[in-house]
């Protein structure tokens, strides 16, 4: 079940969609927080539904800009990790394009309290690489083999820069994911949450 939710933290208010795990594992369940940026085709709803059906909770929001997403993520993280139904040791930050960039940089600041990051076609700037080195958790970087906006070579460098980074290629994928790319990304994200974090 998905429903609108407002996160309030300090002076921030973030509107998003909370996805309840359909068949949660006993007690608290893992959580994936999706950061989106307006104007990008992130497909978070389809991925969130897949995760909810697999017993993983989700929260997805869309910020007006990269800077807003980067600012909102720590507030959303801090509020949601306090919920009784959230397994606070199993929280993953995820995002597509600029949302992925925001997730990676927010995780670098939040440190090891973020269990993992899942970055779909993130569009990094060269100056981001120093920040990426700080994140010590598990990091999956998805790269489309035909992506012109987030080229494989750039994402390979980002994955190598992340201490526990792994580059995953989606063959024949461009920057705008097709349905099969979204499904594959959702399966890989589920794998990250259910296996790599243990």
N, C-alpha and C. Protein backbone atom coordinates (compact mmCIF):
# COMPACT_ATOMS: atom_id res chain seq x y z
N UNK A 1 0.84 -1.18 0.00
CA UNK A 1 0.00 0.00 0.00
C UNK A 1 0.89 1.25 0.00
N UNK A 2 0.60 2.16 -0.91
CA UNK A 2 1.36 3.40 -0.98
C UNK A 2 0.44 4.57 -0.63
N UNK A 3 0.99 5.54 0.11
CA UNK A 3 0.20 6.71 0.51
C UNK A 3 1.09 7.93 0.63
N UNK A 4 0.49 9.09 0.48
CA UNK A 4 1.24 10.34 0.61
C UNK A 4 1.69 10.52 2.06
N UNK A 5 2.87 11.09 2.22
CA UNK A 5 3.42 11.33 3.55
C UNK A 5 4.23 12.62 3.51
N UNK A 6 4.15 13.38 4.59
CA UNK A 6 4.96 14.59 4.73
C UNK A 6 5.96 14.38 5.85
N UNK A 7 7.22 14.61 5.54
CA UNK A 7 8.31 14.52 6.52
C UNK A 7 8.62 15.94 6.97
N UNK A 8 8.61 16.15 8.27
CA UNK A 8 8.97 17.46 8.83
C UNK A 8 10.20 17.27 9.71
N UNK A 9 11.23 18.05 9.41
CA UNK A 9 12.48 17.96 10.16
C UNK A 9 13.10 19.35 10.19
N UNK A 10 13.34 19.86 11.39
CA UNK A 10 13.82 21.23 11.56
C UNK A 10 12.92 22.18 10.76
N UNK A 11 13.47 22.91 9.81
CA UNK A 11 12.66 23.85 9.03
C UNK A 11 12.27 23.30 7.67
N UNK A 12 12.52 22.01 7.44
CA UNK A 12 12.20 21.40 6.14
C UNK A 12 10.89 20.64 6.19
N UNK A 13 10.21 20.65 5.06
CA UNK A 13 9.00 19.85 4.89
C UNK A 13 9.11 19.17 3.53
N UNK A 14 9.11 17.83 3.53
CA UNK A 14 9.31 17.07 2.31
C UNK A 14 8.08 16.21 2.06
N UNK A 15 7.46 16.42 0.90
CA UNK A 15 6.30 15.62 0.48
C UNK A 15 6.79 14.41 -0.30
N UNK A 16 6.20 13.26 -0.01
CA UNK A 16 6.61 12.07 -0.75
C UNK A 16 5.56 10.98 -0.66
N UNK A 17 5.92 9.81 -1.14
CA UNK A 17 5.04 8.64 -1.13
C UNK A 17 5.69 7.56 -0.29
N UNK A 18 4.97 7.13 0.75
CA UNK A 18 5.41 6.04 1.62
C UNK A 18 4.86 4.74 1.06
N UNK A 19 5.71 3.77 0.89
CA UNK A 19 5.30 2.45 0.43
C UNK A 19 5.49 1.43 1.55
N UNK A 20 4.37 0.91 2.03
CA UNK A 20 4.40 -0.09 3.10
C UNK A 20 4.74 -1.45 2.52
N UNK A 21 5.58 -2.20 3.21
CA UNK A 21 5.92 -3.55 2.78
C UNK A 21 4.65 -4.40 2.80
N UNK A 22 4.38 -5.11 1.69
CA UNK A 22 3.17 -5.93 1.59
C UNK A 22 3.17 -7.06 2.59
N UNK A 23 4.24 -7.80 2.64
CA UNK A 23 4.38 -8.91 3.59
C UNK A 23 5.67 -8.71 4.36
N UNK A 24 5.66 -7.78 5.33
CA UNK A 24 6.92 -7.47 6.00
C UNK A 24 7.46 -8.68 6.76
N UNK A 25 8.77 -8.77 6.77
CA UNK A 25 9.45 -9.77 7.57
C UNK A 25 9.17 -9.40 9.03
N UNK A 26 9.24 -10.34 9.93
CA UNK A 26 8.96 -10.07 11.34
C UNK A 26 9.51 -8.73 11.81
N UNK A 27 8.68 -7.99 12.53
CA UNK A 27 9.13 -6.73 13.13
C UNK A 27 9.44 -5.65 12.11
N UNK A 28 10.53 -4.97 12.34
CA UNK A 28 10.93 -3.86 11.47
C UNK A 28 11.43 -4.39 10.13
N UNK A 29 11.20 -3.61 9.07
CA UNK A 29 11.59 -4.00 7.72
C UNK A 29 12.61 -3.01 7.16
N UNK A 30 13.42 -3.45 6.19
CA UNK A 30 14.36 -2.54 5.53
C UNK A 30 13.62 -1.40 4.83
N UNK A 31 14.35 -0.34 4.55
CA UNK A 31 13.77 0.84 3.90
C UNK A 31 14.69 1.32 2.79
N UNK A 32 14.09 1.67 1.65
CA UNK A 32 14.81 2.33 0.56
C UNK A 32 14.21 3.72 0.40
N UNK A 33 15.05 4.74 0.45
CA UNK A 33 14.62 6.13 0.24
C UNK A 33 15.06 6.54 -1.16
N UNK A 34 14.08 6.84 -2.02
CA UNK A 34 14.35 7.27 -3.40
C UNK A 34 14.36 8.79 -3.46
N UNK A 35 15.45 9.38 -3.92
CA UNK A 35 15.53 10.82 -4.15
C UNK A 35 15.35 11.08 -5.64
N UNK A 36 14.41 11.93 -5.96
CA UNK A 36 14.20 12.30 -7.35
C UNK A 36 14.38 13.79 -7.56
N UNK A 37 14.64 14.17 -8.79
CA UNK A 37 14.75 15.58 -9.16
C UNK A 37 13.78 15.83 -10.31
N UNK A 38 12.98 16.88 -10.19
CA UNK A 38 11.98 17.19 -11.21
C UNK A 38 12.61 17.26 -12.60
N UNK A 39 11.88 16.72 -13.56
CA UNK A 39 12.34 16.74 -14.93
C UNK A 39 13.07 15.47 -15.35
N UNK A 40 13.35 14.59 -14.40
CA UNK A 40 14.01 13.33 -14.72
C UNK A 40 12.99 12.20 -14.66
N UNK A 41 13.11 11.26 -15.57
CA UNK A 41 12.18 10.13 -15.64
C UNK A 41 12.73 9.00 -14.78
N UNK A 42 12.43 9.04 -13.48
CA UNK A 42 13.08 8.14 -12.54
C UNK A 42 12.40 6.79 -12.38
N UNK A 43 11.12 6.64 -12.65
CA UNK A 43 10.40 5.37 -12.51
C UNK A 43 10.40 4.83 -11.08
N UNK A 44 10.47 5.71 -10.08
CA UNK A 44 10.54 5.25 -8.70
C UNK A 44 9.29 4.49 -8.27
N UNK A 45 8.12 4.85 -8.80
CA UNK A 45 6.88 4.19 -8.39
C UNK A 45 6.90 2.70 -8.73
N UNK A 46 7.36 2.36 -9.92
CA UNK A 46 7.41 0.94 -10.32
C UNK A 46 8.43 0.18 -9.48
N UNK A 47 9.58 0.77 -9.25
CA UNK A 47 10.59 0.11 -8.43
C UNK A 47 10.13 -0.02 -6.99
N UNK A 48 9.47 1.02 -6.47
CA UNK A 48 8.96 0.97 -5.10
C UNK A 48 7.93 -0.13 -4.94
N UNK A 49 7.02 -0.26 -5.90
CA UNK A 49 6.00 -1.31 -5.80
C UNK A 49 6.63 -2.69 -5.79
N UNK A 50 7.62 -2.90 -6.63
CA UNK A 50 8.34 -4.19 -6.65
C UNK A 50 8.96 -4.47 -5.28
N UNK A 51 9.59 -3.46 -4.68
CA UNK A 51 10.22 -3.64 -3.38
C UNK A 51 9.19 -3.86 -2.28
N UNK A 52 8.08 -3.11 -2.32
CA UNK A 52 7.02 -3.29 -1.33
C UNK A 52 6.51 -4.72 -1.37
N UNK A 53 6.32 -5.26 -2.57
CA UNK A 53 5.85 -6.64 -2.73
C UNK A 53 6.87 -7.65 -2.20
N UNK A 54 8.14 -7.25 -2.11
CA UNK A 54 9.21 -8.13 -1.62
C UNK A 54 9.47 -7.93 -0.12
N UNK A 55 8.62 -7.15 0.57
CA UNK A 55 8.78 -6.97 2.01
C UNK A 55 9.69 -5.82 2.40
N UNK A 56 9.93 -4.89 1.48
CA UNK A 56 10.81 -3.75 1.75
C UNK A 56 10.00 -2.47 1.69
N UNK A 57 10.14 -1.62 2.69
CA UNK A 57 9.43 -0.34 2.72
C UNK A 57 10.17 0.68 1.86
N UNK A 58 9.41 1.66 1.37
CA UNK A 58 10.02 2.70 0.52
C UNK A 58 9.46 4.07 0.87
N UNK A 59 10.26 5.08 0.59
CA UNK A 59 9.79 6.47 0.61
C UNK A 59 10.41 7.13 -0.60
N UNK A 60 9.58 7.72 -1.46
CA UNK A 60 10.07 8.38 -2.68
C UNK A 60 9.62 9.83 -2.67
N UNK A 61 10.54 10.72 -2.97
CA UNK A 61 10.20 12.14 -3.08
C UNK A 61 10.88 12.74 -4.29
N UNK A 62 10.33 13.86 -4.75
CA UNK A 62 10.89 14.56 -5.90
C UNK A 62 11.17 16.00 -5.49
N UNK A 63 12.42 16.39 -5.57
CA UNK A 63 12.83 17.75 -5.22
C UNK A 63 12.85 18.62 -6.47
N UNK A 64 12.84 19.93 -6.27
CA UNK A 64 12.87 20.88 -7.39
C UNK A 64 14.22 20.92 -8.09
N UNK A 65 15.28 20.55 -7.37
CA UNK A 65 16.63 20.63 -7.93
C UNK A 65 17.54 19.62 -7.24
N UNK A 66 18.73 19.46 -7.82
CA UNK A 66 19.74 18.60 -7.19
C UNK A 66 20.07 19.10 -5.79
N UNK A 67 20.29 20.42 -5.65
CA UNK A 67 20.65 20.99 -4.34
C UNK A 67 19.56 20.73 -3.31
N UNK A 68 18.30 20.86 -3.72
CA UNK A 68 17.19 20.60 -2.79
C UNK A 68 17.15 19.12 -2.39
N UNK A 69 17.38 18.22 -3.34
CA UNK A 69 17.39 16.78 -3.03
C UNK A 69 18.51 16.46 -2.05
N UNK A 70 19.67 17.04 -2.27
CA UNK A 70 20.83 16.81 -1.39
C UNK A 70 20.54 17.32 0.02
N UNK A 71 19.82 18.42 0.11
CA UNK A 71 19.47 19.00 1.40
C UNK A 71 18.35 18.21 2.09
N UNK A 72 17.38 17.73 1.31
CA UNK A 72 16.23 17.01 1.88
C UNK A 72 16.58 15.60 2.36
N UNK A 73 17.49 14.93 1.68
CA UNK A 73 17.79 13.53 2.00
C UNK A 73 18.19 13.29 3.45
N UNK A 74 19.12 14.04 4.02
CA UNK A 74 19.47 13.78 5.43
C UNK A 74 18.28 13.97 6.38
N UNK A 75 17.43 14.96 6.10
CA UNK A 75 16.25 15.18 6.95
C UNK A 75 15.29 14.00 6.86
N UNK A 76 15.03 13.54 5.64
CA UNK A 76 14.15 12.38 5.44
C UNK A 76 14.74 11.16 6.13
N UNK A 77 16.03 10.94 5.94
CA UNK A 77 16.72 9.81 6.56
C UNK A 77 16.58 9.85 8.08
N UNK A 78 16.87 10.98 8.69
CA UNK A 78 16.84 11.10 10.16
C UNK A 78 15.43 10.86 10.70
N UNK A 79 14.41 11.35 10.02
CA UNK A 79 13.04 11.15 10.50
C UNK A 79 12.58 9.71 10.34
N UNK A 80 12.83 9.12 9.18
CA UNK A 80 12.32 7.77 8.92
C UNK A 80 13.06 6.69 9.70
N UNK A 81 14.32 6.90 10.01
CA UNK A 81 15.07 5.87 10.76
C UNK A 81 14.53 5.73 12.18
N UNK A 82 13.75 6.71 12.64
CA UNK A 82 13.19 6.66 13.99
C UNK A 82 11.84 5.93 14.05
N UNK A 83 11.28 5.59 12.89
CA UNK A 83 9.99 4.90 12.87
C UNK A 83 10.18 3.46 13.38
N UNK A 84 9.23 3.01 14.21
CA UNK A 84 9.31 1.67 14.79
C UNK A 84 9.36 0.57 13.74
N UNK A 85 8.65 0.76 12.62
CA UNK A 85 8.59 -0.30 11.62
C UNK A 85 9.80 -0.31 10.68
N UNK A 86 10.74 0.60 10.87
CA UNK A 86 11.93 0.66 10.01
C UNK A 86 13.13 0.02 10.72
N UNK A 87 13.74 -0.94 10.05
CA UNK A 87 14.98 -1.55 10.54
C UNK A 87 16.10 -0.55 10.24
N UNK A 88 16.44 0.27 11.22
CA UNK A 88 17.34 1.41 10.98
C UNK A 88 18.73 0.99 10.51
N UNK A 89 19.11 -0.26 10.72
CA UNK A 89 20.41 -0.72 10.25
C UNK A 89 20.37 -1.17 8.79
N UNK A 90 19.18 -1.12 8.18
CA UNK A 90 19.02 -1.53 6.78
C UNK A 90 18.31 -0.44 5.98
N UNK A 91 18.95 0.71 5.87
CA UNK A 91 18.38 1.81 5.09
C UNK A 91 19.32 2.09 3.92
N UNK A 92 18.72 2.11 2.72
CA UNK A 92 19.46 2.35 1.49
C UNK A 92 18.96 3.66 0.88
N UNK A 93 19.88 4.49 0.42
CA UNK A 93 19.53 5.68 -0.34
C UNK A 93 19.68 5.36 -1.82
N UNK A 94 18.69 5.75 -2.62
CA UNK A 94 18.71 5.43 -4.04
C UNK A 94 18.27 6.65 -4.84
N UNK A 95 18.66 6.67 -6.11
CA UNK A 95 18.24 7.76 -6.97
C UNK A 95 18.70 7.54 -8.39
N UNK A 96 18.02 8.22 -9.30
CA UNK A 96 18.32 8.16 -10.72
C UNK A 96 18.85 9.52 -11.17
N UNK A 97 19.89 9.53 -12.00
CA UNK A 97 20.43 10.78 -12.54
C UNK A 97 20.92 11.70 -11.43
N UNK A 98 20.39 12.91 -11.38
CA UNK A 98 20.78 13.86 -10.34
C UNK A 98 20.33 13.39 -8.96
N UNK A 99 19.24 12.62 -8.90
CA UNK A 99 18.81 12.03 -7.63
C UNK A 99 19.83 11.04 -7.11
N UNK A 100 20.46 10.28 -8.01
CA UNK A 100 21.52 9.37 -7.62
C UNK A 100 22.74 10.11 -7.11
N UNK A 101 23.06 11.19 -7.78
CA UNK A 101 24.18 12.03 -7.32
C UNK A 101 23.90 12.56 -5.92
N UNK A 102 22.67 13.05 -5.70
CA UNK A 102 22.29 13.56 -4.38
C UNK A 102 22.36 12.46 -3.33
N UNK A 103 21.90 11.24 -3.66
CA UNK A 103 21.94 10.12 -2.72
C UNK A 103 23.38 9.79 -2.32
N UNK A 104 24.28 9.77 -3.30
CA UNK A 104 25.68 9.44 -3.02
C UNK A 104 26.32 10.50 -2.12
N UNK A 105 26.09 11.76 -2.42
CA UNK A 105 26.72 12.82 -1.64
C UNK A 105 26.12 12.93 -0.24
N UNK A 106 24.81 12.69 -0.12
CA UNK A 106 24.17 12.68 1.20
C UNK A 106 24.72 11.52 2.03
N UNK A 107 24.87 10.35 1.42
CA UNK A 107 25.42 9.19 2.13
C UNK A 107 26.85 9.46 2.60
N UNK A 108 27.62 10.17 1.79
CA UNK A 108 28.99 10.51 2.18
C UNK A 108 29.00 11.34 3.46
N UNK A 109 28.01 12.22 3.60
CA UNK A 109 27.92 13.06 4.80
C UNK A 109 27.34 12.29 5.99
N UNK A 110 26.35 11.43 5.73
CA UNK A 110 25.69 10.69 6.81
C UNK A 110 26.55 9.56 7.35
N UNK A 111 27.46 9.05 6.53
CA UNK A 111 28.39 8.02 6.98
C UNK A 111 27.80 6.64 7.07
N UNK A 112 28.33 5.84 8.01
CA UNK A 112 27.98 4.43 8.05
C UNK A 112 26.58 4.15 8.57
N UNK A 113 25.84 5.16 8.98
CA UNK A 113 24.45 4.93 9.36
C UNK A 113 23.60 4.60 8.12
N UNK A 114 24.09 4.94 6.93
CA UNK A 114 23.44 4.55 5.67
C UNK A 114 24.04 3.21 5.27
N UNK A 115 23.19 2.17 5.18
CA UNK A 115 23.68 0.82 4.92
C UNK A 115 24.20 0.63 3.50
N UNK A 116 23.58 1.30 2.54
CA UNK A 116 23.99 1.14 1.16
C UNK A 116 23.43 2.24 0.29
N UNK A 117 24.01 2.37 -0.91
CA UNK A 117 23.48 3.31 -1.90
C UNK A 117 23.32 2.58 -3.22
N UNK A 118 22.27 2.96 -3.93
CA UNK A 118 21.94 2.35 -5.22
C UNK A 118 21.75 3.49 -6.20
N UNK A 119 22.70 3.65 -7.11
CA UNK A 119 22.76 4.81 -7.98
C UNK A 119 22.48 4.40 -9.42
N UNK A 120 21.36 4.87 -9.96
CA UNK A 120 20.96 4.53 -11.32
C UNK A 120 21.33 5.69 -12.25
N UNK A 121 22.27 5.45 -13.13
CA UNK A 121 22.73 6.46 -14.09
C UNK A 121 23.00 7.81 -13.44
N UNK A 122 23.75 7.82 -12.34
CA UNK A 122 24.03 9.10 -11.68
C UNK A 122 24.90 9.99 -12.55
N UNK A 123 24.62 11.28 -12.50
CA UNK A 123 25.38 12.24 -13.30
C UNK A 123 26.30 13.01 -12.34
N UNK A 124 27.53 12.50 -12.22
CA UNK A 124 28.49 13.10 -11.29
C UNK A 124 29.28 14.22 -11.94
N UNK A 125 29.75 15.13 -11.10
CA UNK A 125 30.68 16.17 -11.49
C UNK A 125 32.07 15.71 -11.03
N UNK A 126 33.14 16.15 -11.69
CA UNK A 126 34.49 15.75 -11.24
C UNK A 126 34.75 16.08 -9.77
N UNK A 127 34.20 17.17 -9.29
CA UNK A 127 34.42 17.57 -7.89
C UNK A 127 33.75 16.63 -6.90
N UNK A 128 32.82 15.79 -7.35
CA UNK A 128 32.13 14.85 -6.45
C UNK A 128 33.01 13.70 -6.01
N UNK A 129 34.05 13.40 -6.77
CA UNK A 129 34.84 12.20 -6.50
C UNK A 129 35.49 12.21 -5.12
N UNK A 130 35.94 13.36 -4.65
CA UNK A 130 36.52 13.43 -3.30
C UNK A 130 35.51 13.08 -2.24
N UNK A 131 34.26 13.52 -2.42
CA UNK A 131 33.19 13.19 -1.47
C UNK A 131 32.86 11.71 -1.50
N UNK A 132 32.86 11.11 -2.69
CA UNK A 132 32.50 9.70 -2.82
C UNK A 132 33.44 8.80 -2.03
N UNK A 133 34.70 9.18 -1.94
CA UNK A 133 35.69 8.37 -1.20
C UNK A 133 35.32 8.21 0.27
N UNK A 134 34.53 9.14 0.79
CA UNK A 134 34.19 9.13 2.22
C UNK A 134 33.15 8.07 2.58
N UNK A 135 32.35 7.64 1.61
CA UNK A 135 31.28 6.69 1.92
C UNK A 135 31.83 5.27 1.98
N UNK A 136 31.66 4.62 3.12
CA UNK A 136 32.25 3.29 3.35
C UNK A 136 31.26 2.14 3.19
N UNK A 137 30.00 2.42 2.92
CA UNK A 137 29.00 1.36 2.79
C UNK A 137 29.01 0.73 1.41
N UNK A 138 28.12 -0.25 1.24
CA UNK A 138 27.97 -0.94 -0.04
C UNK A 138 27.37 0.05 -1.05
N UNK A 139 27.91 0.05 -2.27
CA UNK A 139 27.45 0.98 -3.30
C UNK A 139 27.33 0.26 -4.64
N UNK A 140 26.13 0.24 -5.19
CA UNK A 140 25.90 -0.28 -6.53
C UNK A 140 25.69 0.90 -7.46
N UNK A 141 26.43 0.92 -8.56
CA UNK A 141 26.31 1.98 -9.57
C UNK A 141 25.84 1.32 -10.86
N UNK A 142 24.62 1.66 -11.31
CA UNK A 142 24.07 1.11 -12.54
C UNK A 142 24.41 2.01 -13.70
N UNK A 143 24.90 1.39 -14.77
CA UNK A 143 25.28 2.14 -15.96
C UNK A 143 24.66 1.50 -17.19
N UNK A 144 23.99 2.30 -18.00
CA UNK A 144 23.48 1.82 -19.27
C UNK A 144 24.60 1.82 -20.29
N UNK A 145 24.73 0.75 -21.04
CA UNK A 145 25.85 0.66 -21.99
C UNK A 145 25.76 1.71 -23.10
N UNK A 146 24.57 2.25 -23.36
CA UNK A 146 24.39 3.26 -24.41
C UNK A 146 24.02 4.64 -23.85
N UNK A 147 24.29 4.86 -22.59
CA UNK A 147 23.91 6.12 -21.92
C UNK A 147 24.89 7.22 -22.31
N UNK A 148 24.38 8.26 -22.97
CA UNK A 148 25.22 9.39 -23.37
C UNK A 148 25.33 10.45 -22.31
N UNK A 149 24.39 10.52 -21.36
CA UNK A 149 24.41 11.53 -20.30
C UNK A 149 25.26 11.12 -19.11
N UNK A 150 25.27 9.82 -18.81
CA UNK A 150 26.07 9.28 -17.71
C UNK A 150 26.89 8.12 -18.30
N UNK A 151 27.96 8.44 -19.04
CA UNK A 151 28.72 7.42 -19.75
C UNK A 151 29.33 6.36 -18.83
N UNK A 152 29.45 5.17 -19.38
CA UNK A 152 30.01 4.03 -18.65
C UNK A 152 31.38 4.37 -18.07
N UNK A 153 32.22 5.09 -18.81
CA UNK A 153 33.57 5.40 -18.32
C UNK A 153 33.50 6.27 -17.06
N UNK A 154 32.59 7.24 -17.03
CA UNK A 154 32.44 8.09 -15.84
C UNK A 154 31.95 7.28 -14.65
N UNK A 155 30.97 6.39 -14.91
CA UNK A 155 30.40 5.61 -13.80
C UNK A 155 31.37 4.53 -13.32
N UNK A 156 32.20 4.04 -14.21
CA UNK A 156 33.24 3.09 -13.81
C UNK A 156 34.22 3.77 -12.85
N UNK A 157 34.60 4.99 -13.16
CA UNK A 157 35.49 5.75 -12.28
C UNK A 157 34.82 6.01 -10.93
N UNK A 158 33.54 6.36 -10.95
CA UNK A 158 32.81 6.61 -9.69
C UNK A 158 32.75 5.33 -8.85
N UNK A 159 32.46 4.20 -9.49
CA UNK A 159 32.38 2.92 -8.76
C UNK A 159 33.74 2.56 -8.15
N UNK A 160 34.82 2.84 -8.89
CA UNK A 160 36.17 2.56 -8.36
C UNK A 160 36.53 3.51 -7.23
N UNK A 161 36.00 4.73 -7.27
CA UNK A 161 36.28 5.71 -6.23
C UNK A 161 35.59 5.35 -4.93
N UNK A 162 34.39 4.80 -5.01
CA UNK A 162 33.66 4.37 -3.81
C UNK A 162 34.39 3.16 -3.23
N UNK A 163 34.78 3.19 -1.96
CA UNK A 163 35.55 2.09 -1.38
C UNK A 163 34.91 0.70 -1.55
N UNK A 164 33.58 0.63 -1.52
CA UNK A 164 32.89 -0.65 -1.69
C UNK A 164 31.94 -0.58 -2.89
N UNK A 165 32.38 0.14 -3.91
CA UNK A 165 31.55 0.35 -5.09
C UNK A 165 31.63 -0.80 -6.07
N UNK A 166 30.51 -1.04 -6.72
CA UNK A 166 30.44 -2.08 -7.75
C UNK A 166 29.66 -1.51 -8.94
N UNK A 167 30.24 -1.63 -10.13
CA UNK A 167 29.59 -1.16 -11.35
C UNK A 167 28.77 -2.31 -11.93
N UNK A 168 27.50 -2.03 -12.23
CA UNK A 168 26.60 -3.01 -12.84
C UNK A 168 26.11 -2.44 -14.16
N UNK A 169 26.33 -3.17 -15.23
CA UNK A 169 25.96 -2.69 -16.57
C UNK A 169 24.58 -3.21 -16.96
N UNK A 170 23.77 -2.31 -17.51
CA UNK A 170 22.51 -2.70 -18.13
C UNK A 170 22.73 -2.57 -19.63
N UNK A 171 22.82 -3.71 -20.30
CA UNK A 171 23.13 -3.71 -21.74
C UNK A 171 22.04 -3.06 -22.56
N UNK A 172 22.49 -2.30 -23.55
CA UNK A 172 21.62 -1.61 -24.50
C UNK A 172 20.71 -0.57 -23.86
N UNK A 173 20.98 -0.19 -22.62
CA UNK A 173 20.17 0.83 -21.95
C UNK A 173 20.73 2.21 -22.23
N UNK A 174 19.82 3.14 -22.51
CA UNK A 174 20.19 4.55 -22.65
C UNK A 174 19.91 5.23 -21.31
N UNK A 175 19.98 6.56 -21.29
CA UNK A 175 19.74 7.26 -20.03
C UNK A 175 18.29 7.12 -19.60
N UNK A 176 17.37 7.16 -20.55
CA UNK A 176 15.95 6.93 -20.23
C UNK A 176 15.71 5.42 -20.23
N UNK A 177 15.44 4.87 -19.05
CA UNK A 177 15.27 3.43 -18.92
C UNK A 177 14.00 2.94 -19.61
N UNK A 178 14.11 1.79 -20.27
CA UNK A 178 12.94 1.09 -20.82
C UNK A 178 12.32 0.27 -19.69
N UNK A 179 11.14 -0.29 -19.92
CA UNK A 179 10.47 -1.08 -18.90
C UNK A 179 11.36 -2.21 -18.39
N UNK A 180 12.02 -2.92 -19.29
CA UNK A 180 12.87 -4.03 -18.85
C UNK A 180 14.07 -3.54 -18.04
N UNK A 181 14.54 -2.32 -18.30
CA UNK A 181 15.64 -1.75 -17.52
C UNK A 181 15.18 -1.42 -16.11
N UNK A 182 13.96 -0.88 -16.01
CA UNK A 182 13.38 -0.56 -14.69
C UNK A 182 13.21 -1.84 -13.88
N UNK A 183 12.71 -2.90 -14.53
CA UNK A 183 12.52 -4.17 -13.84
C UNK A 183 13.86 -4.75 -13.37
N UNK A 184 14.85 -4.66 -14.21
CA UNK A 184 16.18 -5.18 -13.83
C UNK A 184 16.76 -4.36 -12.69
N UNK A 185 16.61 -3.05 -12.75
CA UNK A 185 17.10 -2.20 -11.66
C UNK A 185 16.41 -2.56 -10.35
N UNK A 186 15.10 -2.78 -10.39
CA UNK A 186 14.36 -3.14 -9.18
C UNK A 186 14.85 -4.46 -8.61
N UNK A 187 15.12 -5.43 -9.47
CA UNK A 187 15.63 -6.72 -8.99
C UNK A 187 17.02 -6.57 -8.36
N UNK A 188 17.87 -5.76 -8.98
CA UNK A 188 19.21 -5.54 -8.43
C UNK A 188 19.15 -4.79 -7.09
N UNK A 189 18.23 -3.84 -6.99
CA UNK A 189 18.07 -3.11 -5.74
C UNK A 189 17.57 -4.05 -4.64
N UNK A 190 16.63 -4.91 -4.97
CA UNK A 190 16.15 -5.89 -3.99
C UNK A 190 17.30 -6.78 -3.54
N UNK A 191 18.14 -7.20 -4.48
CA UNK A 191 19.30 -8.03 -4.14
C UNK A 191 20.23 -7.30 -3.19
N UNK A 192 20.47 -6.02 -3.45
CA UNK A 192 21.31 -5.23 -2.56
C UNK A 192 20.75 -5.23 -1.15
N UNK A 193 19.46 -4.95 -1.03
CA UNK A 193 18.83 -4.85 0.29
C UNK A 193 18.83 -6.21 1.01
N UNK A 194 18.51 -7.27 0.29
CA UNK A 194 18.33 -8.57 0.94
C UNK A 194 19.61 -9.37 1.15
N UNK A 195 20.64 -9.10 0.37
CA UNK A 195 21.84 -9.94 0.50
C UNK A 195 23.11 -9.14 0.81
N UNK A 196 23.37 -8.14 0.04
CA UNK A 196 24.66 -7.44 0.17
C UNK A 196 24.80 -6.70 1.49
N UNK A 197 23.70 -6.34 2.12
CA UNK A 197 23.79 -5.59 3.36
C UNK A 197 24.01 -6.49 4.58
N UNK A 198 23.87 -7.77 4.39
CA UNK A 198 24.05 -8.71 5.52
C UNK A 198 25.50 -9.06 5.75
